[in-house]
Structure formats: C-alpha cells, structure tokens
ModelCIF file with pLDDT and N, C-alpha, C, O atoms, coordinates in Angstrom:
data_MODEL
#
_entry.id   MODEL 
#
_entity.id                         1 
_entity.type                       polymer 
_entity.pdbx_number_of_molecules   1 
#
_entity_poly.entity_id                      1 
_entity_poly.type                           'polypeptide(L)' 
_entity_poly.nstd_linkage                   no 
_entity_poly.nstd_monomer                   no 
_entity_poly.pdbx_seq_one_letter_code       
;(UNK)(UNK)(UNK)(UNK)(UNK)(UNK)(UNK)(UNK)(UNK)(UNK)(UNK)(UNK)(UNK)(UNK)(UNK)(UNK)
(UNK)(UNK)(UNK)(UNK)(UNK)(UNK)(UNK)(UNK)(UNK)(UNK)(UNK)(UNK)(UNK)(UNK)(UNK)(UNK)
(UNK)(UNK)(UNK)(UNK)(UNK)(UNK)(UNK)(UNK)(UNK)(UNK)(UNK)(UNK)(UNK)(UNK)
;
_entity_poly.pdbx_seq_one_letter_code_can   XXXXXXXXXXXXXXXXXXXXXXXXXXXXXXXXXXXXXXXXXXXXXX 
_entity_poly.pdbx_strand_id                 A 
#
loop_
_entity_poly_seq.entity_id 
_entity_poly_seq.num 
_entity_poly_seq.mon_id 
_entity_poly_seq.hetero 
1 1  UNK n 
1 2  UNK n 
1 3  UNK n 
1 4  UNK n 
1 5  UNK n 
1 6  UNK n 
1 7  UNK n 
1 8  UNK n 
1 9  UNK n 
1 10 UNK n 
1 11 UNK n 
1 12 UNK n 
1 13 UNK n 
1 14 UNK n 
1 15 UNK n 
1 16 UNK n 
1 17 UNK n 
1 18 UNK n 
1 19 UNK n 
1 20 UNK n 
1 21 UNK n 
1 22 UNK n 
1 23 UNK n 
1 24 UNK n 
1 25 UNK n 
1 26 UNK n 
1 27 UNK n 
1 28 UNK n 
1 29 UNK n 
1 30 UNK n 
1 31 UNK n 
1 32 UNK n 
1 33 UNK n 
1 34 UNK n 
1 35 UNK n 
1 36 UNK n 
1 37 UNK n 
1 38 UNK n 
1 39 UNK n 
1 40 UNK n 
1 41 UNK n 
1 42 UNK n 
1 43 UNK n 
1 44 UNK n 
1 45 UNK n 
1 46 UNK n 
#
_struct_asym.id          A 
_struct_asym.entity_id   1 
#
loop_
_ma_qa_metric.id 
_ma_qa_metric.mode 
_ma_qa_metric.name 
_ma_qa_metric.software_group_id 
_ma_qa_metric.type 
1 global pLDDT . pLDDT 
2 local  pLDDT . pLDDT 
#
_ma_qa_metric_global.metric_id      1 
_ma_qa_metric_global.metric_value   92.00 
_ma_qa_metric_global.model_id       1 
_ma_qa_metric_global.ordinal_id     1 
#
loop_
_ma_qa_metric_local.label_asym_id 
_ma_qa_metric_local.label_comp_id 
_ma_qa_metric_local.label_seq_id 
_ma_qa_metric_local.metric_id 
_ma_qa_metric_local.metric_value 
_ma_qa_metric_local.model_id 
_ma_qa_metric_local.ordinal_id 
A UNK 1  2 98.00 1 1  
A UNK 2  2 98.00 1 2  
A UNK 3  2 98.00 1 3  
A UNK 4  2 98.00 1 4  
A UNK 5  2 98.00 1 5  
A UNK 6  2 98.00 1 6  
A UNK 7  2 98.00 1 7  
A UNK 8  2 98.00 1 8  
A UNK 9  2 98.00 1 9  
A UNK 10 2 98.00 1 10 
A UNK 11 2 98.00 1 11 
A UNK 12 2 96.00 1 12 
A UNK 13 2 94.00 1 13 
A UNK 14 2 91.00 1 14 
A UNK 15 2 90.00 1 15 
A UNK 16 2 80.00 1 16 
A UNK 17 2 71.00 1 17 
A UNK 18 2 65.00 1 18 
A UNK 19 2 65.00 1 19 
A UNK 20 2 70.00 1 20 
A UNK 21 2 72.00 1 21 
A UNK 22 2 89.00 1 22 
A UNK 23 2 93.00 1 23 
A UNK 24 2 94.00 1 24 
A UNK 25 2 97.00 1 25 
A UNK 26 2 98.00 1 26 
A UNK 27 2 98.00 1 27 
A UNK 28 2 98.00 1 28 
A UNK 29 2 98.00 1 29 
A UNK 30 2 95.00 1 30 
A UNK 31 2 90.00 1 31 
A UNK 32 2 93.00 1 32 
A UNK 33 2 94.00 1 33 
A UNK 34 2 95.00 1 34 
A UNK 35 2 95.00 1 35 
A UNK 36 2 96.00 1 36 
A UNK 37 2 97.00 1 37 
A UNK 38 2 98.00 1 38 
A UNK 39 2 98.00 1 39 
A UNK 40 2 97.00 1 40 
A UNK 41 2 96.00 1 41 
A UNK 42 2 93.00 1 42 
A UNK 43 2 89.00 1 43 
A UNK 44 2 87.00 1 44 
A UNK 45 2 89.00 1 45 
A UNK 46 2 93.00 1 46 
#
loop_
_atom_site.group_PDB 
_atom_site.id 
_atom_site.type_symbol 
_atom_site.label_atom_id 
_atom_site.label_alt_id 
_atom_site.label_comp_id 
_atom_site.label_asym_id 
_atom_site.label_entity_id 
_atom_site.label_seq_id 
_atom_site.pdbx_PDB_ins_code 
_atom_site.Cartn_x 
_atom_site.Cartn_y 
_atom_site.Cartn_z 
_atom_site.occupancy 
_atom_site.B_iso_or_equiv 
_atom_site.pdbx_formal_charge 
_atom_site.auth_seq_id 
_atom_site.auth_comp_id 
_atom_site.auth_asym_id 
_atom_site.auth_atom_id 
_atom_site.pdbx_PDB_model_num 
ATOM 1   N N  . UNK A 1 1  ? 0.842   -1.190  0.000   1.00 98.00 ? 1  UNK A N  1 
ATOM 2   C CA . UNK A 1 1  ? 0.000   0.000   0.000   1.00 98.00 ? 1  UNK A CA 1 
ATOM 3   C C  . UNK A 1 1  ? 0.875   1.238   0.000   1.00 98.00 ? 1  UNK A C  1 
ATOM 4   O O  . UNK A 1 1  ? 1.809   1.349   0.795   1.00 98.00 ? 1  UNK A O  1 
ATOM 5   N N  . UNK A 1 2  ? 0.573   2.166   -0.890  1.00 98.00 ? 2  UNK A N  1 
ATOM 6   C CA . UNK A 1 2  ? 1.347   3.391   -0.990  1.00 98.00 ? 2  UNK A CA 1 
ATOM 7   C C  . UNK A 1 2  ? 0.408   4.545   -1.330  1.00 98.00 ? 2  UNK A C  1 
ATOM 8   O O  . UNK A 1 2  ? -0.618  4.351   -1.982  1.00 98.00 ? 2  UNK A O  1 
ATOM 9   N N  . UNK A 1 3  ? 0.765   5.730   -0.888  1.00 98.00 ? 3  UNK A N  1 
ATOM 10  C CA . UNK A 1 3  ? -0.025  6.907   -1.215  1.00 98.00 ? 3  UNK A CA 1 
ATOM 11  C C  . UNK A 1 3  ? 0.260   7.381   -2.636  1.00 98.00 ? 3  UNK A C  1 
ATOM 12  O O  . UNK A 1 3  ? 1.344   7.156   -3.174  1.00 98.00 ? 3  UNK A O  1 
ATOM 13  N N  . UNK A 1 4  ? -0.719  8.034   -3.227  1.00 98.00 ? 4  UNK A N  1 
ATOM 14  C CA . UNK A 1 4  ? -0.527  8.612   -4.549  1.00 98.00 ? 4  UNK A CA 1 
ATOM 15  C C  . UNK A 1 4  ? 0.700   9.515   -4.552  1.00 98.00 ? 4  UNK A C  1 
ATOM 16  O O  . UNK A 1 4  ? 0.913   10.305  -3.632  1.00 98.00 ? 4  UNK A O  1 
ATOM 17  N N  . UNK A 1 5  ? 1.496   9.384   -5.598  1.00 98.00 ? 5  UNK A N  1 
ATOM 18  C CA . UNK A 1 5  ? 2.733   10.128  -5.702  1.00 98.00 ? 5  UNK A CA 1 
ATOM 19  C C  . UNK A 1 5  ? 3.935   9.406   -5.153  1.00 98.00 ? 5  UNK A C  1 
ATOM 20  O O  . UNK A 1 5  ? 5.069   9.835   -5.366  1.00 98.00 ? 5  UNK A O  1 
ATOM 21  N N  . UNK A 1 6  ? 3.705   8.317   -4.449  1.00 98.00 ? 6  UNK A N  1 
ATOM 22  C CA . UNK A 1 6  ? 4.785   7.546   -3.871  1.00 98.00 ? 6  UNK A CA 1 
ATOM 23  C C  . UNK A 1 6  ? 5.382   6.561   -4.849  1.00 98.00 ? 6  UNK A C  1 
ATOM 24  O O  . UNK A 1 6  ? 5.035   6.539   -6.030  1.00 98.00 ? 6  UNK A O  1 
ATOM 25  N N  . UNK A 1 7  ? 6.287   5.745   -4.336  1.00 98.00 ? 7  UNK A N  1 
ATOM 26  C CA . UNK A 1 7  ? 7.025   4.801   -5.161  1.00 98.00 ? 7  UNK A CA 1 
ATOM 27  C C  . UNK A 1 7  ? 7.044   3.423   -4.533  1.00 98.00 ? 7  UNK A C  1 
ATOM 28  O O  . UNK A 1 7  ? 6.979   3.276   -3.312  1.00 98.00 ? 7  UNK A O  1 
ATOM 29  N N  . UNK A 1 8  ? 7.134   2.426   -5.377  1.00 98.00 ? 8  UNK A N  1 
ATOM 30  C CA . UNK A 1 8  ? 7.349   1.048   -4.977  1.00 98.00 ? 8  UNK A CA 1 
ATOM 31  C C  . UNK A 1 8  ? 8.291   0.400   -5.977  1.00 98.00 ? 8  UNK A C  1 
ATOM 32  O O  . UNK A 1 8  ? 8.368   0.802   -7.138  1.00 98.00 ? 8  UNK A O  1 
ATOM 33  N N  . UNK A 1 9  ? 8.994   -0.597  -5.507  1.00 98.00 ? 9  UNK A N  1 
ATOM 34  C CA . UNK A 1 9  ? 9.859   -1.374  -6.387  1.00 98.00 ? 9  UNK A CA 1 
ATOM 35  C C  . UNK A 1 9  ? 9.459   -2.837  -6.285  1.00 98.00 ? 9  UNK A C  1 
ATOM 36  O O  . UNK A 1 9  ? 9.561   -3.444  -5.219  1.00 98.00 ? 9  UNK A O  1 
ATOM 37  N N  . UNK A 1 10 ? 9.007   -3.396  -7.388  1.00 98.00 ? 10 UNK A N  1 
ATOM 38  C CA . UNK A 1 10 ? 8.648   -4.797  -7.455  1.00 98.00 ? 10 UNK A CA 1 
ATOM 39  C C  . UNK A 1 10 ? 9.832   -5.607  -7.963  1.00 98.00 ? 10 UNK A C  1 
ATOM 40  O O  . UNK A 1 10 ? 10.602  -5.147  -8.806  1.00 98.00 ? 10 UNK A O  1 
ATOM 41  N N  . UNK A 1 11 ? 9.963   -6.810  -7.440  1.00 98.00 ? 11 UNK A N  1 
ATOM 42  C CA . UNK A 1 11 ? 11.001  -7.713  -7.896  1.00 98.00 ? 11 UNK A CA 1 
ATOM 43  C C  . UNK A 1 11 ? 10.386  -9.043  -8.273  1.00 98.00 ? 11 UNK A C  1 
ATOM 44  O O  . UNK A 1 11 ? 9.383   -9.467  -7.698  1.00 98.00 ? 11 UNK A O  1 
ATOM 45  N N  . UNK A 1 12 ? 10.992  -9.689  -9.237  1.00 96.00 ? 12 UNK A N  1 
ATOM 46  C CA . UNK A 1 12 ? 10.564  -11.006 -9.672  1.00 96.00 ? 12 UNK A CA 1 
ATOM 47  C C  . UNK A 1 12 ? 11.786  -11.899 -9.729  1.00 96.00 ? 12 UNK A C  1 
ATOM 48  O O  . UNK A 1 12 ? 12.708  -11.654 -10.507 1.00 96.00 ? 12 UNK A O  1 
ATOM 49  N N  . UNK A 1 13 ? 11.795  -12.923 -8.914  1.00 94.00 ? 13 UNK A N  1 
ATOM 50  C CA . UNK A 1 13 ? 12.892  -13.873 -8.884  1.00 94.00 ? 13 UNK A CA 1 
ATOM 51  C C  . UNK A 1 13 ? 12.537  -15.079 -9.732  1.00 94.00 ? 13 UNK A C  1 
ATOM 52  O O  . UNK A 1 13 ? 11.475  -15.677 -9.561  1.00 94.00 ? 13 UNK A O  1 
ATOM 53  N N  . UNK A 1 14 ? 13.417  -15.430 -10.632 1.00 91.00 ? 14 UNK A N  1 
ATOM 54  C CA . UNK A 1 14 ? 13.205  -16.551 -11.536 1.00 91.00 ? 14 UNK A CA 1 
ATOM 55  C C  . UNK A 1 14 ? 14.124  -17.695 -11.162 1.00 91.00 ? 14 UNK A C  1 
ATOM 56  O O  . UNK A 1 14 ? 15.328  -17.507 -10.994 1.00 91.00 ? 14 UNK A O  1 
ATOM 57  N N  . UNK A 1 15 ? 13.556  -18.873 -11.035 1.00 90.00 ? 15 UNK A N  1 
ATOM 58  C CA . UNK A 1 15 ? 14.347  -20.076 -10.833 1.00 90.00 ? 15 UNK A CA 1 
ATOM 59  C C  . UNK A 1 15 ? 14.401  -20.847 -12.138 1.00 90.00 ? 15 UNK A C  1 
ATOM 60  O O  . UNK A 1 15 ? 13.433  -20.870 -12.899 1.00 90.00 ? 15 UNK A O  1 
ATOM 61  N N  . UNK A 1 16 ? 15.523  -21.469 -12.389 1.00 80.00 ? 16 UNK A N  1 
ATOM 62  C CA . UNK A 1 16 ? 15.722  -22.122 -13.662 1.00 80.00 ? 16 UNK A CA 1 
ATOM 63  C C  . UNK A 1 16 ? 16.456  -21.209 -14.626 1.00 80.00 ? 16 UNK A C  1 
ATOM 64  O O  . UNK A 1 16 ? 16.525  -19.996 -14.424 1.00 80.00 ? 16 UNK A O  1 
ATOM 65  N N  . UNK A 1 17 ? 16.983  -21.783 -15.635 1.00 71.00 ? 17 UNK A N  1 
ATOM 66  C CA . UNK A 1 17 ? 17.768  -21.037 -16.605 1.00 71.00 ? 17 UNK A CA 1 
ATOM 67  C C  . UNK A 1 17 ? 16.881  -20.448 -17.689 1.00 71.00 ? 17 UNK A C  1 
ATOM 68  O O  . UNK A 1 17 ? 15.894  -21.055 -18.106 1.00 71.00 ? 17 UNK A O  1 
ATOM 69  N N  . UNK A 1 18 ? 17.245  -19.274 -18.132 1.00 65.00 ? 18 UNK A N  1 
ATOM 70  C CA . UNK A 1 18 ? 16.522  -18.602 -19.205 1.00 65.00 ? 18 UNK A CA 1 
ATOM 71  C C  . UNK A 1 18 ? 17.340  -18.625 -20.478 1.00 65.00 ? 18 UNK A C  1 
ATOM 72  O O  . UNK A 1 18 ? 18.570  -18.655 -20.440 1.00 65.00 ? 18 UNK A O  1 
ATOM 73  N N  . UNK A 1 19 ? 16.655  -18.609 -21.597 1.00 65.00 ? 19 UNK A N  1 
ATOM 74  C CA . UNK A 1 19 ? 17.331  -18.558 -22.881 1.00 65.00 ? 19 UNK A CA 1 
ATOM 75  C C  . UNK A 1 19 ? 17.860  -17.153 -23.138 1.00 65.00 ? 19 UNK A C  1 
ATOM 76  O O  . UNK A 1 19 ? 17.343  -16.175 -22.599 1.00 65.00 ? 19 UNK A O  1 
ATOM 77  N N  . UNK A 1 20 ? 18.887  -17.064 -23.960 1.00 70.00 ? 20 UNK A N  1 
ATOM 78  C CA . UNK A 1 20 ? 19.494  -15.768 -24.241 1.00 70.00 ? 20 UNK A CA 1 
ATOM 79  C C  . UNK A 1 20 ? 18.553  -14.835 -24.986 1.00 70.00 ? 20 UNK A C  1 
ATOM 80  O O  . UNK A 1 20 ? 18.691  -13.615 -24.889 1.00 70.00 ? 20 UNK A O  1 
ATOM 81  N N  . UNK A 1 21 ? 17.614  -15.379 -25.715 1.00 72.00 ? 21 UNK A N  1 
ATOM 82  C CA . UNK A 1 21 ? 16.669  -14.557 -26.459 1.00 72.00 ? 21 UNK A CA 1 
ATOM 83  C C  . UNK A 1 21 ? 15.332  -14.410 -25.750 1.00 72.00 ? 21 UNK A C  1 
ATOM 84  O O  . UNK A 1 21 ? 14.343  -14.001 -26.358 1.00 72.00 ? 21 UNK A O  1 
ATOM 85  N N  . UNK A 1 22 ? 15.303  -14.741 -24.469 1.00 89.00 ? 22 UNK A N  1 
ATOM 86  C CA . UNK A 1 22 ? 14.060  -14.651 -23.723 1.00 89.00 ? 22 UNK A CA 1 
ATOM 87  C C  . UNK A 1 22 ? 13.741  -13.216 -23.339 1.00 89.00 ? 22 UNK A C  1 
ATOM 88  O O  . UNK A 1 22 ? 14.603  -12.337 -23.366 1.00 89.00 ? 22 UNK A O  1 
ATOM 89  N N  . UNK A 1 23 ? 12.491  -13.002 -22.985 1.00 93.00 ? 23 UNK A N  1 
ATOM 90  C CA . UNK A 1 23 ? 12.040  -11.712 -22.495 1.00 93.00 ? 23 UNK A CA 1 
ATOM 91  C C  . UNK A 1 23 ? 11.291  -11.903 -21.194 1.00 93.00 ? 23 UNK A C  1 
ATOM 92  O O  . UNK A 1 23 ? 10.645  -12.929 -20.979 1.00 93.00 ? 23 UNK A O  1 
ATOM 93  N N  . UNK A 1 24 ? 11.381  -10.917 -20.336 1.00 94.00 ? 24 UNK A N  1 
ATOM 94  C CA . UNK A 1 24 ? 10.599  -10.900 -19.117 1.00 94.00 ? 24 UNK A CA 1 
ATOM 95  C C  . UNK A 1 24 ? 9.741   -9.654  -19.123 1.00 94.00 ? 24 UNK A C  1 
ATOM 96  O O  . UNK A 1 24 ? 10.136  -8.614  -19.649 1.00 94.00 ? 24 UNK A O  1 
ATOM 97  N N  . UNK A 1 25 ? 8.579   -9.768  -18.540 1.00 97.00 ? 25 UNK A N  1 
ATOM 98  C CA . UNK A 1 25 ? 7.628   -8.677  -18.611 1.00 97.00 ? 25 UNK A CA 1 
ATOM 99  C C  . UNK A 1 25 ? 6.811   -8.588  -17.341 1.00 97.00 ? 25 UNK A C  1 
ATOM 100 O O  . UNK A 1 25 ? 6.729   -9.535  -16.558 1.00 97.00 ? 25 UNK A O  1 
ATOM 101 N N  . UNK A 1 26 ? 6.213   -7.434  -17.158 1.00 98.00 ? 26 UNK A N  1 
ATOM 102 C CA . UNK A 1 26 ? 5.238   -7.202  -16.108 1.00 98.00 ? 26 UNK A CA 1 
ATOM 103 C C  . UNK A 1 26 ? 3.882   -6.935  -16.739 1.00 98.00 ? 26 UNK A C  1 
ATOM 104 O O  . UNK A 1 26 ? 3.760   -6.150  -17.679 1.00 98.00 ? 26 UNK A O  1 
ATOM 105 N N  . UNK A 1 27 ? 2.873   -7.596  -16.209 1.00 98.00 ? 27 UNK A N  1 
ATOM 106 C CA . UNK A 1 27 ? 1.486   -7.367  -16.565 1.00 98.00 ? 27 UNK A CA 1 
ATOM 107 C C  . UNK A 1 27 ? 0.724   -7.007  -15.299 1.00 98.00 ? 27 UNK A C  1 
ATOM 108 O O  . UNK A 1 27 ? 1.222   -7.199  -14.189 1.00 98.00 ? 27 UNK A O  1 
ATOM 109 N N  . UNK A 1 28 ? -0.476  -6.488  -15.468 1.00 98.00 ? 28 UNK A N  1 
ATOM 110 C CA . UNK A 1 28 ? -1.302  -6.190  -14.306 1.00 98.00 ? 28 UNK A CA 1 
ATOM 111 C C  . UNK A 1 28 ? -2.757  -6.466  -14.633 1.00 98.00 ? 28 UNK A C  1 
ATOM 112 O O  . UNK A 1 28 ? -3.167  -6.435  -15.793 1.00 98.00 ? 28 UNK A O  1 
ATOM 113 N N  . UNK A 1 29 ? -3.534  -6.740  -13.584 1.00 98.00 ? 29 UNK A N  1 
ATOM 114 C CA . UNK A 1 29 ? -4.920  -7.121  -13.771 1.00 98.00 ? 29 UNK A CA 1 
ATOM 115 C C  . UNK A 1 29 ? -5.759  -6.655  -12.597 1.00 98.00 ? 29 UNK A C  1 
ATOM 116 O O  . UNK A 1 29 ? -5.368  -6.799  -11.438 1.00 98.00 ? 29 UNK A O  1 
ATOM 117 N N  . UNK A 1 30 ? -6.908  -6.099  -12.910 1.00 95.00 ? 30 UNK A N  1 
ATOM 118 C CA . UNK A 1 30 ? -7.894  -5.712  -11.911 1.00 95.00 ? 30 UNK A CA 1 
ATOM 119 C C  . UNK A 1 30 ? -9.059  -6.688  -11.966 1.00 95.00 ? 30 UNK A C  1 
ATOM 120 O O  . UNK A 1 30 ? -9.288  -7.313  -13.001 1.00 95.00 ? 30 UNK A O  1 
ATOM 121 N N  . UNK A 1 31 ? -9.804  -6.830  -10.867 1.00 90.00 ? 31 UNK A N  1 
ATOM 122 C CA . UNK A 1 31 ? -10.930 -7.762  -10.864 1.00 90.00 ? 31 UNK A CA 1 
ATOM 123 C C  . UNK A 1 31 ? -11.912 -7.478  -11.988 1.00 90.00 ? 31 UNK A C  1 
ATOM 124 O O  . UNK A 1 31 ? -12.311 -6.332  -12.198 1.00 90.00 ? 31 UNK A O  1 
ATOM 125 N N  . UNK A 1 32 ? -12.298 -8.520  -12.706 1.00 93.00 ? 32 UNK A N  1 
ATOM 126 C CA . UNK A 1 32 ? -13.272 -8.391  -13.771 1.00 93.00 ? 32 UNK A CA 1 
ATOM 127 C C  . UNK A 1 32 ? -12.753 -7.776  -15.049 1.00 93.00 ? 32 UNK A C  1 
ATOM 128 O O  . UNK A 1 32 ? -13.530 -7.541  -15.974 1.00 93.00 ? 32 UNK A O  1 
ATOM 129 N N  . UNK A 1 33 ? -11.458 -7.507  -15.129 1.00 94.00 ? 33 UNK A N  1 
ATOM 130 C CA . UNK A 1 33 ? -10.883 -6.888  -16.312 1.00 94.00 ? 33 UNK A CA 1 
ATOM 131 C C  . UNK A 1 33 ? -9.807  -7.777  -16.912 1.00 94.00 ? 33 UNK A C  1 
ATOM 132 O O  . UNK A 1 33 ? -9.271  -8.665  -16.249 1.00 94.00 ? 33 UNK A O  1 
ATOM 133 N N  . UNK A 1 34 ? -9.503  -7.523  -18.175 1.00 95.00 ? 34 UNK A N  1 
ATOM 134 C CA . UNK A 1 34 ? -8.448  -8.270  -18.839 1.00 95.00 ? 34 UNK A CA 1 
ATOM 135 C C  . UNK A 1 34 ? -7.090  -7.888  -18.288 1.00 95.00 ? 34 UNK A C  1 
ATOM 136 O O  . UNK A 1 34 ? -6.875  -6.770  -17.819 1.00 95.00 ? 34 UNK A O  1 
ATOM 137 N N  . UNK A 1 35 ? -6.188  -8.838  -18.357 1.00 95.00 ? 35 UNK A N  1 
ATOM 138 C CA . UNK A 1 35 ? -4.815  -8.554  -18.009 1.00 95.00 ? 35 UNK A CA 1 
ATOM 139 C C  . UNK A 1 35 ? -4.229  -7.589  -19.036 1.00 95.00 ? 35 UNK A C  1 
ATOM 140 O O  . UNK A 1 35 ? -4.485  -7.726  -20.233 1.00 95.00 ? 35 UNK A O  1 
ATOM 141 N N  . UNK A 1 36 ? -3.448  -6.620  -18.577 1.00 96.00 ? 36 UNK A N  1 
ATOM 142 C CA . UNK A 1 36 ? -2.870  -5.657  -19.487 1.00 96.00 ? 36 UNK A CA 1 
ATOM 143 C C  . UNK A 1 36 ? -1.357  -5.588  -19.337 1.00 96.00 ? 36 UNK A C  1 
ATOM 144 O O  . UNK A 1 36 ? -0.805  -5.781  -18.254 1.00 96.00 ? 36 UNK A O  1 
ATOM 145 N N  . UNK A 1 37 ? -0.722  -5.312  -20.437 1.00 97.00 ? 37 UNK A N  1 
ATOM 146 C CA . UNK A 1 37 ? 0.730   -5.226  -20.485 1.00 97.00 ? 37 UNK A CA 1 
ATOM 147 C C  . UNK A 1 37 ? 1.226   -3.966  -19.801 1.00 97.00 ? 37 UNK A C  1 
ATOM 148 O O  . UNK A 1 37 ? 0.598   -2.912  -19.897 1.00 97.00 ? 37 UNK A O  1 
ATOM 149 N N  . UNK A 1 38 ? 2.358   -4.074  -19.106 1.00 98.00 ? 38 UNK A N  1 
ATOM 150 C CA . UNK A 1 38 ? 2.966   -2.934  -18.436 1.00 98.00 ? 38 UNK A CA 1 
ATOM 151 C C  . UNK A 1 38 ? 4.333   -2.605  -19.040 1.00 98.00 ? 38 UNK A C  1 
ATOM 152 O O  . UNK A 1 38 ? 4.546   -1.495  -19.528 1.00 98.00 ? 38 UNK A O  1 
ATOM 153 N N  . UNK A 1 39 ? 5.252   -3.563  -19.006 1.00 98.00 ? 39 UNK A N  1 
ATOM 154 C CA . UNK A 1 39 ? 6.612   -3.325  -19.477 1.00 98.00 ? 39 UNK A CA 1 
ATOM 155 C C  . UNK A 1 39 ? 7.289   -4.644  -19.759 1.00 98.00 ? 39 UNK A C  1 
ATOM 156 O O  . UNK A 1 39 ? 6.942   -5.667  -19.168 1.00 98.00 ? 39 UNK A O  1 
ATOM 157 N N  . UNK A 1 40 ? 8.257   -4.626  -20.664 1.00 97.00 ? 40 UNK A N  1 
ATOM 158 C CA . UNK A 1 40 ? 9.012   -5.825  -21.005 1.00 97.00 ? 40 UNK A CA 1 
ATOM 159 C C  . UNK A 1 40 ? 10.470  -5.477  -21.216 1.00 97.00 ? 40 UNK A C  1 
ATOM 160 O O  . UNK A 1 40 ? 10.812  -4.339  -21.540 1.00 97.00 ? 40 UNK A O  1 
ATOM 161 N N  . UNK A 1 41 ? 11.323  -6.464  -21.030 1.00 96.00 ? 41 UNK A N  1 
ATOM 162 C CA . UNK A 1 41 ? 12.752  -6.286  -21.219 1.00 96.00 ? 41 UNK A CA 1 
ATOM 163 C C  . UNK A 1 41 ? 13.349  -7.547  -21.821 1.00 96.00 ? 41 UNK A C  1 
ATOM 164 O O  . UNK A 1 41 ? 13.003  -8.658  -21.421 1.00 96.00 ? 41 UNK A O  1 
ATOM 165 N N  . UNK A 1 42 ? 14.238  -7.374  -22.777 1.00 93.00 ? 42 UNK A N  1 
ATOM 166 C CA . UNK A 1 42 ? 14.996  -8.497  -23.300 1.00 93.00 ? 42 UNK A CA 1 
ATOM 167 C C  . UNK A 1 42 ? 16.062  -8.884  -22.295 1.00 93.00 ? 42 UNK A C  1 
ATOM 168 O O  . UNK A 1 42 ? 16.772  -8.025  -21.772 1.00 93.00 ? 42 UNK A O  1 
ATOM 169 N N  . UNK A 1 43 ? 16.175  -10.173 -22.025 1.00 89.00 ? 43 UNK A N  1 
ATOM 170 C CA . UNK A 1 43 ? 17.055  -10.629 -20.961 1.00 89.00 ? 43 UNK A CA 1 
ATOM 171 C C  . UNK A 1 43 ? 18.517  -10.316 -21.242 1.00 89.00 ? 43 UNK A C  1 
ATOM 172 O O  . UNK A 1 43 ? 19.237  -9.877  -20.345 1.00 89.00 ? 43 UNK A O  1 
ATOM 173 N N  . UNK A 1 44 ? 18.960  -10.532 -22.458 1.00 87.00 ? 44 UNK A N  1 
ATOM 174 C CA . UNK A 1 44 ? 20.370  -10.331 -22.780 1.00 87.00 ? 44 UNK A CA 1 
ATOM 175 C C  . UNK A 1 44 ? 20.683  -8.896  -23.179 1.00 87.00 ? 44 UNK A C  1 
ATOM 176 O O  . UNK A 1 44 ? 21.586  -8.278  -22.614 1.00 87.00 ? 44 UNK A O  1 
ATOM 177 N N  . UNK A 1 45 ? 19.957  -8.367  -24.133 1.00 89.00 ? 45 UNK A N  1 
ATOM 178 C CA . UNK A 1 45 ? 20.284  -7.064  -24.690 1.00 89.00 ? 45 UNK A CA 1 
ATOM 179 C C  . UNK A 1 45 ? 19.803  -5.904  -23.824 1.00 89.00 ? 45 UNK A C  1 
ATOM 180 O O  . UNK A 1 45 ? 20.385  -4.820  -23.865 1.00 89.00 ? 45 UNK A O  1 
ATOM 181 N N  . UNK A 1 46 ? 18.762  -6.116  -23.053 1.00 93.00 ? 46 UNK A N  1 
ATOM 182 C CA . UNK A 1 46 ? 18.253  -5.072  -22.193 1.00 93.00 ? 46 UNK A CA 1 
ATOM 183 C C  . UNK A 1 46 ? 17.284  -4.106  -22.837 1.00 93.00 ? 46 UNK A C  1 
ATOM 184 O O  . UNK A 1 46 ? 16.801  -3.185  -22.178 1.00 93.00 ? 46 UNK A O  1 
#
C-alpha cells in the first residue's frame, strides 16, 4: 500500500535457466478486467 505520488519497487525472482533470447515482462490485472501489459525487457540485450 502506498499513497498517490509515492514509489514502490517490485522484484521477480526466476528459478531455472533462461534462454538468451528470452524476455521478461510485467502485466497487471484488476478484478473483472483483462490482463494488461505494463513493461518488457529483453534478458540479454536489455
């Protein structure tokens, strides 16, 4: 929980090996709504 204007840092820990051409992403979803894309990053190139 954070107030408007504040900041949070989310982390995602992955177990297992990833491919060099893999991508990781963040999505978000509210009740009764479709999941929506937030951000993505290429694992190797950035």
